[in-house]
Amino acid sequence: METFVLGGGCFWCLDPVFRRLKGVTNVVVGYAGGNVESPDYYQVSSGTTGHAEVVKVNFDAATLPAEDLLDLFFLIHDPTTLNRQGNDVGTQYRSIMLYSDGTQKAVFEKAIQRATKHWNDPIVTELKPLEVFYEAEAEHQDYFNKNPAAGYCTIVIEPKIIKARKAYKKYFKES
């Protein structure tokens, strides 16, 4: 099993895509990359903690290759916009990859290089060591599946799921 910690805007957007993939055994949304211990959602939302909204994805690389998971990550968010994804603005929404060791850092660097072919503007994804991951509150875990009719889910998240399924259908659990 491998574990990646990735941020690409609101964690509600990444979480449901990764949950639908074959080989993914667990997804937890949380906060990382900042300097405040045990932050809560409201602190992180203020943009003053330095933390980004992230997902911790556990997966079996024999079923879902790390390269494909990372390529999908770069498909479902815009890594060229600094501290924003759509209408979500602030450092907490930055594109970020937090690595656990030098091997993972190299895998992430290669993914960034591959992604440059698909974007016209420079990629601004932050790459830094994972120091600590703080799990988000229960109401943020699996948010899309708990609130599928919510406006943000239907307008912002659902199109990302559709886009990912279209591009990576062979990895999706349901057709």
N, C-alpha and C. Protein backbone atom coordinates (compact mmCIF):
# COMPACT_ATOMS: atom_id res chain seq x y z
N MET A 1 0.84 -1.19 0.00
CA MET A 1 0.00 0.00 0.00
C MET A 1 0.87 1.24 0.00
N GLU A 2 0.40 2.23 -0.72
CA GLU A 2 1.07 3.53 -0.76
C GLU A 2 0.11 4.59 -0.25
N THR A 3 0.67 5.69 0.21
CA THR A 3 -0.14 6.80 0.70
C THR A 3 0.40 8.09 0.10
N PHE A 4 -0.50 8.87 -0.51
CA PHE A 4 -0.17 10.19 -1.03
C PHE A 4 -1.02 11.21 -0.28
N VAL A 5 -0.42 12.37 -0.01
CA VAL A 5 -1.16 13.50 0.56
C VAL A 5 -1.09 14.62 -0.48
N LEU A 6 -2.28 15.00 -0.98
CA LEU A 6 -2.39 15.92 -2.11
C LEU A 6 -3.45 16.97 -1.84
N GLY A 7 -3.19 18.18 -2.31
CA GLY A 7 -4.17 19.24 -2.21
C GLY A 7 -4.36 19.91 -3.56
N GLY A 8 -5.62 20.11 -3.92
CA GLY A 8 -5.93 20.75 -5.20
C GLY A 8 -7.22 21.52 -5.09
N GLY A 9 -7.25 22.48 -4.18
CA GLY A 9 -8.48 23.22 -3.94
C GLY A 9 -9.23 22.62 -2.77
N CYS A 10 -10.52 22.77 -2.78
CA CYS A 10 -11.37 22.26 -1.71
C CYS A 10 -11.24 20.74 -1.63
N PHE A 11 -11.01 20.23 -0.43
CA PHE A 11 -10.85 18.77 -0.30
C PHE A 11 -12.12 18.01 -0.65
N TRP A 12 -13.27 18.67 -0.59
CA TRP A 12 -14.51 18.02 -0.99
C TRP A 12 -14.48 17.61 -2.46
N CYS A 13 -13.69 18.32 -3.28
CA CYS A 13 -13.63 18.03 -4.72
C CYS A 13 -12.75 16.82 -5.03
N LEU A 14 -11.65 16.66 -4.34
CA LEU A 14 -10.75 15.53 -4.61
C LEU A 14 -11.28 14.24 -4.01
N ASP A 15 -11.81 14.32 -2.82
CA ASP A 15 -12.24 13.15 -2.06
C ASP A 15 -13.15 12.20 -2.85
N PRO A 16 -14.25 12.66 -3.45
CA PRO A 16 -15.16 11.71 -4.12
C PRO A 16 -14.56 11.07 -5.37
N VAL A 17 -13.66 11.75 -6.04
CA VAL A 17 -13.02 11.16 -7.21
C VAL A 17 -12.16 9.98 -6.77
N PHE A 18 -11.30 10.21 -5.79
CA PHE A 18 -10.41 9.14 -5.34
C PHE A 18 -11.18 7.98 -4.72
N ARG A 19 -12.27 8.25 -4.01
CA ARG A 19 -13.08 7.19 -3.41
C ARG A 19 -13.67 6.23 -4.45
N ARG A 20 -13.84 6.70 -5.67
CA ARG A 20 -14.47 5.90 -6.72
C ARG A 20 -13.48 5.05 -7.52
N LEU A 21 -12.22 5.11 -7.17
CA LEU A 21 -11.19 4.42 -7.94
C LEU A 21 -10.87 3.03 -7.41
N LYS A 22 -10.74 2.08 -8.33
CA LYS A 22 -10.28 0.74 -7.97
C LYS A 22 -8.88 0.86 -7.39
N GLY A 23 -8.60 0.12 -6.35
CA GLY A 23 -7.29 0.14 -5.74
C GLY A 23 -7.17 1.12 -4.59
N VAL A 24 -8.05 2.10 -4.51
CA VAL A 24 -8.03 3.03 -3.38
C VAL A 24 -8.72 2.35 -2.20
N THR A 25 -8.00 2.25 -1.10
CA THR A 25 -8.54 1.57 0.08
C THR A 25 -9.08 2.53 1.12
N ASN A 26 -8.61 3.78 1.10
CA ASN A 26 -9.08 4.75 2.09
C ASN A 26 -8.76 6.16 1.62
N VAL A 27 -9.67 7.08 1.90
CA VAL A 27 -9.45 8.50 1.64
C VAL A 27 -9.87 9.25 2.90
N VAL A 28 -9.00 10.11 3.37
CA VAL A 28 -9.30 10.94 4.54
C VAL A 28 -8.99 12.38 4.16
N VAL A 29 -9.94 13.29 4.42
CA VAL A 29 -9.67 14.70 4.16
C VAL A 29 -9.10 15.32 5.42
N GLY A 30 -8.22 16.31 5.20
CA GLY A 30 -7.60 16.95 6.36
C GLY A 30 -6.82 18.18 5.97
N TYR A 31 -5.88 18.52 6.84
CA TYR A 31 -5.10 19.74 6.69
C TYR A 31 -3.62 19.41 6.84
N ALA A 32 -2.78 20.06 6.03
CA ALA A 32 -1.34 19.83 6.11
C ALA A 32 -0.61 21.00 5.44
N GLY A 33 0.67 21.08 5.74
CA GLY A 33 1.51 22.06 5.08
C GLY A 33 1.63 23.39 5.79
N GLY A 34 1.00 23.50 6.96
CA GLY A 34 1.02 24.77 7.67
C GLY A 34 1.79 24.73 8.97
N ASN A 35 1.49 25.70 9.84
CA ASN A 35 2.28 25.85 11.05
C ASN A 35 1.45 25.93 12.33
N VAL A 36 0.17 25.62 12.28
CA VAL A 36 -0.68 25.65 13.46
C VAL A 36 -1.02 24.21 13.85
N GLU A 37 -0.82 23.87 15.12
CA GLU A 37 -1.12 22.52 15.58
C GLU A 37 -2.63 22.31 15.69
N SER A 38 -3.07 21.14 15.26
CA SER A 38 -4.47 20.70 15.38
C SER A 38 -5.48 21.77 14.97
N PRO A 39 -5.35 22.29 13.76
CA PRO A 39 -6.30 23.33 13.33
C PRO A 39 -7.68 22.74 13.07
N ASP A 40 -8.68 23.60 13.14
CA ASP A 40 -10.02 23.17 12.75
C ASP A 40 -10.37 23.83 11.41
N TYR A 41 -11.51 23.45 10.87
CA TYR A 41 -11.93 23.92 9.55
C TYR A 41 -11.98 25.45 9.48
N TYR A 42 -12.52 26.06 10.54
CA TYR A 42 -12.67 27.52 10.51
C TYR A 42 -11.32 28.23 10.57
N GLN A 43 -10.38 27.68 11.31
CA GLN A 43 -9.04 28.26 11.34
C GLN A 43 -8.38 28.15 9.96
N VAL A 44 -8.46 26.97 9.35
CA VAL A 44 -7.85 26.77 8.03
C VAL A 44 -8.55 27.66 7.00
N SER A 45 -9.86 27.76 7.08
CA SER A 45 -10.62 28.60 6.14
C SER A 45 -10.25 30.07 6.23
N SER A 46 -9.73 30.49 7.37
CA SER A 46 -9.34 31.89 7.53
C SER A 46 -8.09 32.23 6.73
N GLY A 47 -7.34 31.20 6.32
CA GLY A 47 -6.13 31.41 5.55
C GLY A 47 -4.93 31.81 6.39
N THR A 48 -5.04 31.73 7.72
CA THR A 48 -3.96 32.19 8.60
C THR A 48 -3.11 31.06 9.18
N THR A 49 -3.44 29.81 8.89
CA THR A 49 -2.71 28.69 9.50
C THR A 49 -1.56 28.19 8.64
N GLY A 50 -1.57 28.55 7.36
CA GLY A 50 -0.58 28.03 6.43
C GLY A 50 -0.95 26.65 5.90
N HIS A 51 -1.98 26.03 6.46
CA HIS A 51 -2.38 24.69 6.02
C HIS A 51 -3.21 24.76 4.74
N ALA A 52 -3.11 23.70 3.96
CA ALA A 52 -3.95 23.52 2.79
C ALA A 52 -4.98 22.44 3.09
N GLU A 53 -6.12 22.52 2.43
CA GLU A 53 -7.08 21.42 2.49
C GLU A 53 -6.50 20.32 1.60
N VAL A 54 -6.35 19.11 2.16
CA VAL A 54 -5.71 18.02 1.44
C VAL A 54 -6.50 16.73 1.63
N VAL A 55 -6.14 15.74 0.81
CA VAL A 55 -6.65 14.39 0.98
C VAL A 55 -5.47 13.45 1.19
N LYS A 56 -5.66 12.50 2.07
CA LYS A 56 -4.68 11.43 2.25
C LYS A 56 -5.29 10.20 1.61
N VAL A 57 -4.63 9.71 0.54
CA VAL A 57 -5.16 8.61 -0.27
C VAL A 57 -4.28 7.38 -0.08
N ASN A 58 -4.87 6.30 0.42
CA ASN A 58 -4.18 5.02 0.52
C ASN A 58 -4.62 4.17 -0.67
N PHE A 59 -3.65 3.60 -1.37
CA PHE A 59 -4.00 2.84 -2.56
C PHE A 59 -3.00 1.71 -2.81
N ASP A 60 -3.46 0.76 -3.60
CA ASP A 60 -2.65 -0.38 -4.02
C ASP A 60 -2.12 -0.07 -5.42
N ALA A 61 -0.82 0.17 -5.50
CA ALA A 61 -0.21 0.56 -6.78
C ALA A 61 -0.24 -0.56 -7.81
N ALA A 62 -0.47 -1.80 -7.38
CA ALA A 62 -0.61 -2.90 -8.34
C ALA A 62 -1.93 -2.80 -9.10
N THR A 63 -2.93 -2.20 -8.48
CA THR A 63 -4.24 -2.02 -9.10
C THR A 63 -4.36 -0.66 -9.78
N LEU A 64 -3.86 0.35 -9.10
CA LEU A 64 -3.90 1.72 -9.60
C LEU A 64 -2.48 2.28 -9.53
N PRO A 65 -1.77 2.28 -10.66
CA PRO A 65 -0.40 2.79 -10.66
C PRO A 65 -0.32 4.23 -10.15
N ALA A 66 0.72 4.50 -9.38
CA ALA A 66 0.92 5.83 -8.80
C ALA A 66 0.91 6.91 -9.89
N GLU A 67 1.52 6.62 -11.01
CA GLU A 67 1.58 7.61 -12.10
C GLU A 67 0.19 7.98 -12.58
N ASP A 68 -0.68 6.99 -12.72
CA ASP A 68 -2.04 7.27 -13.19
C ASP A 68 -2.84 8.04 -12.14
N LEU A 69 -2.68 7.69 -10.88
CA LEU A 69 -3.37 8.42 -9.82
C LEU A 69 -2.94 9.89 -9.84
N LEU A 70 -1.66 10.13 -10.00
CA LEU A 70 -1.16 11.51 -10.01
C LEU A 70 -1.55 12.25 -11.28
N ASP A 71 -1.58 11.58 -12.41
CA ASP A 71 -2.04 12.22 -13.64
C ASP A 71 -3.50 12.62 -13.51
N LEU A 72 -4.29 11.78 -12.87
CA LEU A 72 -5.69 12.09 -12.64
C LEU A 72 -5.81 13.30 -11.69
N PHE A 73 -4.97 13.35 -10.67
CA PHE A 73 -4.94 14.50 -9.75
C PHE A 73 -4.75 15.80 -10.54
N PHE A 74 -3.82 15.80 -11.50
CA PHE A 74 -3.57 17.01 -12.28
C PHE A 74 -4.67 17.29 -13.29
N LEU A 75 -5.49 16.31 -13.60
CA LEU A 75 -6.63 16.50 -14.49
C LEU A 75 -7.78 17.21 -13.79
N ILE A 76 -8.00 16.89 -12.51
CA ILE A 76 -9.22 17.36 -11.83
C ILE A 76 -9.05 18.66 -11.06
N HIS A 77 -7.88 19.28 -11.14
CA HIS A 77 -7.74 20.62 -10.57
C HIS A 77 -6.80 21.41 -11.47
N ASP A 78 -6.80 22.71 -11.30
CA ASP A 78 -5.94 23.57 -12.12
C ASP A 78 -4.66 23.88 -11.34
N PRO A 79 -3.55 23.25 -11.70
CA PRO A 79 -2.30 23.46 -10.98
C PRO A 79 -1.57 24.73 -11.39
N THR A 80 -2.20 25.55 -12.22
CA THR A 80 -1.54 26.77 -12.71
C THR A 80 -2.04 28.03 -12.01
N THR A 81 -3.02 27.89 -11.13
CA THR A 81 -3.56 29.06 -10.43
C THR A 81 -3.04 29.06 -9.00
N LEU A 82 -2.37 30.11 -8.62
CA LEU A 82 -1.78 30.21 -7.30
C LEU A 82 -2.84 30.52 -6.25
N ASN A 83 -2.95 29.64 -5.27
CA ASN A 83 -3.84 29.86 -4.12
C ASN A 83 -5.30 30.04 -4.49
N ARG A 84 -5.74 29.26 -5.48
CA ARG A 84 -7.16 29.32 -5.84
C ARG A 84 -7.53 28.14 -6.72
N GLN A 85 -8.80 27.77 -6.64
CA GLN A 85 -9.44 26.85 -7.56
C GLN A 85 -10.83 27.41 -7.80
N GLY A 86 -11.06 27.91 -8.98
CA GLY A 86 -12.36 28.51 -9.29
C GLY A 86 -12.64 29.67 -8.36
N ASN A 87 -13.79 29.63 -7.68
CA ASN A 87 -14.17 30.70 -6.77
C ASN A 87 -13.58 30.53 -5.37
N ASP A 88 -12.92 29.40 -5.12
CA ASP A 88 -12.27 29.16 -3.82
C ASP A 88 -10.90 29.82 -3.85
N VAL A 89 -10.72 30.86 -3.04
CA VAL A 89 -9.49 31.65 -3.07
C VAL A 89 -8.85 31.67 -1.69
N GLY A 90 -7.54 31.47 -1.66
CA GLY A 90 -6.78 31.51 -0.42
C GLY A 90 -5.71 30.44 -0.42
N THR A 91 -4.73 30.58 0.42
CA THR A 91 -3.63 29.61 0.48
C THR A 91 -4.12 28.22 0.84
N GLN A 92 -5.25 28.12 1.53
CA GLN A 92 -5.79 26.81 1.91
C GLN A 92 -6.26 26.01 0.70
N TYR A 93 -6.41 26.68 -0.45
CA TYR A 93 -6.86 26.02 -1.68
C TYR A 93 -5.75 25.82 -2.69
N ARG A 94 -4.51 25.97 -2.27
CA ARG A 94 -3.39 25.85 -3.20
C ARG A 94 -3.19 24.41 -3.67
N SER A 95 -2.55 24.30 -4.80
CA SER A 95 -2.15 23.00 -5.33
C SER A 95 -0.87 22.61 -4.59
N ILE A 96 -0.88 21.43 -3.96
CA ILE A 96 0.25 21.01 -3.14
C ILE A 96 0.38 19.50 -3.13
N MET A 97 1.62 19.04 -3.11
CA MET A 97 1.93 17.62 -2.99
C MET A 97 2.92 17.50 -1.83
N LEU A 98 2.56 16.72 -0.83
CA LEU A 98 3.38 16.57 0.36
C LEU A 98 3.99 15.17 0.37
N TYR A 99 5.30 15.10 0.26
CA TYR A 99 5.97 13.80 0.13
C TYR A 99 6.49 13.28 1.47
N SER A 100 6.54 11.95 1.56
CA SER A 100 6.96 11.30 2.80
C SER A 100 8.45 10.96 2.80
N ASP A 101 9.06 10.88 1.61
CA ASP A 101 10.49 10.56 1.51
C ASP A 101 11.01 10.96 0.14
N GLY A 102 12.30 10.76 -0.07
CA GLY A 102 12.91 11.15 -1.33
C GLY A 102 12.37 10.42 -2.53
N THR A 103 12.02 9.16 -2.36
CA THR A 103 11.46 8.38 -3.47
C THR A 103 10.13 8.97 -3.90
N GLN A 104 9.29 9.29 -2.92
CA GLN A 104 7.98 9.86 -3.25
C GLN A 104 8.15 11.26 -3.86
N LYS A 105 9.11 12.02 -3.38
CA LYS A 105 9.37 13.34 -3.95
C LYS A 105 9.71 13.21 -5.44
N ALA A 106 10.53 12.23 -5.81
CA ALA A 106 10.91 12.02 -7.21
C ALA A 106 9.69 11.64 -8.05
N VAL A 107 8.80 10.81 -7.50
CA VAL A 107 7.57 10.41 -8.20
C VAL A 107 6.70 11.65 -8.44
N PHE A 108 6.61 12.50 -7.43
CA PHE A 108 5.81 13.72 -7.56
C PHE A 108 6.42 14.67 -8.58
N GLU A 109 7.74 14.81 -8.57
CA GLU A 109 8.41 15.69 -9.53
C GLU A 109 8.16 15.22 -10.96
N LYS A 110 8.20 13.90 -11.18
CA LYS A 110 7.92 13.36 -12.52
C LYS A 110 6.48 13.64 -12.93
N ALA A 111 5.56 13.56 -11.98
CA ALA A 111 4.15 13.84 -12.28
C ALA A 111 3.97 15.30 -12.68
N ILE A 112 4.66 16.19 -12.00
CA ILE A 112 4.58 17.61 -12.35
C ILE A 112 5.11 17.81 -13.77
N GLN A 113 6.22 17.16 -14.09
CA GLN A 113 6.79 17.27 -15.44
C GLN A 113 5.81 16.77 -16.49
N ARG A 114 5.16 15.62 -16.23
CA ARG A 114 4.17 15.10 -17.19
C ARG A 114 3.02 16.08 -17.36
N ALA A 115 2.61 16.70 -16.27
CA ALA A 115 1.45 17.60 -16.31
C ALA A 115 1.72 18.87 -17.11
N THR A 116 2.97 19.27 -17.20
CA THR A 116 3.27 20.51 -17.93
C THR A 116 2.84 20.43 -19.40
N LYS A 117 2.74 19.22 -19.93
CA LYS A 117 2.33 19.04 -21.33
C LYS A 117 0.86 19.39 -21.54
N HIS A 118 0.09 19.38 -20.47
CA HIS A 118 -1.36 19.55 -20.59
C HIS A 118 -1.86 20.94 -20.21
N TRP A 119 -0.94 21.80 -19.78
CA TRP A 119 -1.33 23.13 -19.33
C TRP A 119 -0.52 24.19 -20.08
N ASN A 120 -1.16 25.27 -20.48
CA ASN A 120 -0.48 26.34 -21.19
C ASN A 120 0.34 27.23 -20.25
N ASP A 121 -0.13 27.40 -19.04
CA ASP A 121 0.55 28.26 -18.06
C ASP A 121 1.45 27.41 -17.17
N PRO A 122 2.43 28.03 -16.53
CA PRO A 122 3.33 27.29 -15.64
C PRO A 122 2.59 26.65 -14.47
N ILE A 123 3.02 25.48 -14.09
CA ILE A 123 2.45 24.79 -12.93
C ILE A 123 3.05 25.39 -11.67
N VAL A 124 2.17 25.73 -10.71
CA VAL A 124 2.61 26.35 -9.46
C VAL A 124 2.41 25.43 -8.26
N THR A 125 2.22 24.16 -8.51
CA THR A 125 2.01 23.19 -7.44
C THR A 125 3.20 23.21 -6.48
N GLU A 126 2.89 23.37 -5.21
CA GLU A 126 3.92 23.38 -4.18
C GLU A 126 4.31 21.94 -3.86
N LEU A 127 5.59 21.70 -3.72
CA LEU A 127 6.12 20.38 -3.39
C LEU A 127 6.92 20.54 -2.11
N LYS A 128 6.48 19.85 -1.04
CA LYS A 128 7.19 19.99 0.22
C LYS A 128 7.04 18.72 1.06
N PRO A 129 7.94 18.53 2.02
CA PRO A 129 7.84 17.33 2.86
C PRO A 129 6.60 17.38 3.75
N LEU A 130 6.02 16.22 3.96
CA LEU A 130 4.88 16.09 4.86
C LEU A 130 5.41 16.04 6.29
N GLU A 131 5.06 17.02 7.08
CA GLU A 131 5.49 17.02 8.48
C GLU A 131 4.42 16.40 9.35
N VAL A 132 3.17 16.82 9.15
CA VAL A 132 2.07 16.27 9.93
C VAL A 132 0.78 16.44 9.13
N PHE A 133 -0.11 15.49 9.29
CA PHE A 133 -1.43 15.52 8.65
C PHE A 133 -2.46 15.56 9.77
N TYR A 134 -3.36 16.52 9.70
CA TYR A 134 -4.44 16.62 10.68
C TYR A 134 -5.75 16.23 10.01
N GLU A 135 -6.42 15.24 10.54
CA GLU A 135 -7.70 14.80 9.99
C GLU A 135 -8.76 15.86 10.21
N ALA A 136 -9.53 16.14 9.17
CA ALA A 136 -10.62 17.12 9.27
C ALA A 136 -11.78 16.53 10.06
N GLU A 137 -12.66 17.41 10.45
CA GLU A 137 -13.83 17.03 11.23
C GLU A 137 -14.71 16.04 10.46
N ALA A 138 -15.50 15.26 11.20
CA ALA A 138 -16.33 14.18 10.63
C ALA A 138 -17.26 14.69 9.53
N GLU A 139 -17.81 15.88 9.68
CA GLU A 139 -18.77 16.37 8.68
C GLU A 139 -18.13 16.64 7.32
N HIS A 140 -16.80 16.71 7.27
CA HIS A 140 -16.11 16.94 6.00
C HIS A 140 -15.68 15.64 5.32
N GLN A 141 -15.70 14.54 6.04
CA GLN A 141 -15.32 13.25 5.47
C GLN A 141 -16.44 12.76 4.56
N ASP A 142 -16.08 12.34 3.34
CA ASP A 142 -17.06 11.79 2.39
C ASP A 142 -18.23 12.76 2.15
N TYR A 143 -17.92 14.04 2.11
CA TYR A 143 -18.93 15.09 2.02
C TYR A 143 -19.86 14.93 0.81
N PHE A 144 -19.30 14.66 -0.35
CA PHE A 144 -20.11 14.55 -1.56
C PHE A 144 -21.15 13.44 -1.44
N ASN A 145 -20.73 12.28 -0.97
CA ASN A 145 -21.67 11.16 -0.87
C ASN A 145 -22.74 11.39 0.19
N LYS A 146 -22.43 12.20 1.18
CA LYS A 146 -23.41 12.52 2.24
C LYS A 146 -24.35 13.65 1.82
N ASN A 147 -23.92 14.48 0.84
CA ASN A 147 -24.68 15.67 0.45
C ASN A 147 -24.76 15.83 -1.07
N PRO A 148 -25.15 14.80 -1.81
CA PRO A 148 -25.07 14.86 -3.27
C PRO A 148 -25.95 15.94 -3.91
N ALA A 149 -27.00 16.38 -3.23
CA ALA A 149 -27.90 17.38 -3.80
C ALA A 149 -27.50 18.81 -3.44
N ALA A 150 -26.49 18.97 -2.60
CA ALA A 150 -26.04 20.31 -2.22
C ALA A 150 -25.53 21.04 -3.47
N GLY A 151 -25.75 22.33 -3.52
CA GLY A 151 -25.38 23.12 -4.69
C GLY A 151 -23.92 22.98 -5.07
N TYR A 152 -23.01 23.07 -4.11
CA TYR A 152 -21.58 22.96 -4.41
C TYR A 152 -21.28 21.59 -5.02
N CYS A 153 -21.96 20.58 -4.52
CA CYS A 153 -21.73 19.22 -5.03
C CYS A 153 -22.17 19.07 -6.48
N THR A 154 -23.34 19.59 -6.80
CA THR A 154 -23.85 19.42 -8.16
C THR A 154 -23.17 20.35 -9.16
N ILE A 155 -22.81 21.54 -8.73
CA ILE A 155 -22.24 22.52 -9.66
C ILE A 155 -20.72 22.39 -9.81
N VAL A 156 -20.02 22.10 -8.73
CA VAL A 156 -18.55 22.10 -8.76
C VAL A 156 -17.96 20.69 -8.76
N ILE A 157 -18.45 19.84 -7.86
CA ILE A 157 -17.82 18.52 -7.68
C ILE A 157 -18.23 17.51 -8.74
N GLU A 158 -19.51 17.41 -9.00
CA GLU A 158 -19.98 16.40 -9.96
C GLU A 158 -19.31 16.49 -11.33
N PRO A 159 -19.11 17.69 -11.88
CA PRO A 159 -18.40 17.76 -13.17
C PRO A 159 -16.97 17.20 -13.10
N LYS A 160 -16.31 17.35 -11.96
CA LYS A 160 -14.96 16.80 -11.81
C LYS A 160 -15.00 15.27 -11.83
N ILE A 161 -16.01 14.70 -11.19
CA ILE A 161 -16.16 13.24 -11.19
C ILE A 161 -16.41 12.75 -12.62
N ILE A 162 -17.29 13.44 -13.32
CA ILE A 162 -17.60 13.05 -14.71
C ILE A 162 -16.36 13.14 -15.59
N LYS A 163 -15.60 14.22 -15.45
CA LYS A 163 -14.38 14.41 -16.24
C LYS A 163 -13.37 13.30 -15.95
N ALA A 164 -13.19 13.00 -14.68
CA ALA A 164 -12.24 11.95 -14.29
C ALA A 164 -12.68 10.58 -14.80
N ARG A 165 -13.96 10.29 -14.67
CA ARG A 165 -14.49 8.99 -15.13
C ARG A 165 -14.32 8.84 -16.63
N LYS A 166 -14.54 9.91 -17.36
CA LYS A 166 -14.40 9.86 -18.82
C LYS A 166 -12.95 9.56 -19.21
N ALA A 167 -12.00 10.20 -18.55
CA ALA A 167 -10.59 10.05 -18.90
C ALA A 167 -9.96 8.77 -18.34
N TYR A 168 -10.47 8.27 -17.21
CA TYR A 168 -9.84 7.13 -16.52
C TYR A 168 -10.87 6.05 -16.19
N LYS A 169 -11.76 5.79 -17.13
CA LYS A 169 -12.87 4.87 -16.90
C LYS A 169 -12.42 3.51 -16.38
N LYS A 170 -11.31 2.99 -16.87
CA LYS A 170 -10.89 1.65 -16.46
C LYS A 170 -10.55 1.55 -14.98
N TYR A 171 -10.32 2.68 -14.33
CA TYR A 171 -10.00 2.65 -12.90
C TYR A 171 -11.21 2.92 -12.01
N PHE A 172 -12.33 3.26 -12.59
CA PHE A 172 -13.51 3.57 -11.78
C PHE A 172 -14.25 2.29 -11.38
N LYS A 173 -14.70 2.26 -10.13
CA LYS A 173 -15.40 1.10 -9.58
C LYS A 173 -16.73 0.88 -10.27
N GLU A 174 -17.48 1.96 -10.51
CA GLU A 174 -18.75 1.84 -11.20
C GLU A 174 -18.61 2.43 -12.58
N SER A 175 -19.41 1.97 -13.50
CA SER A 175 -19.28 2.46 -14.88
C SER A 175 -19.92 3.79 -15.10
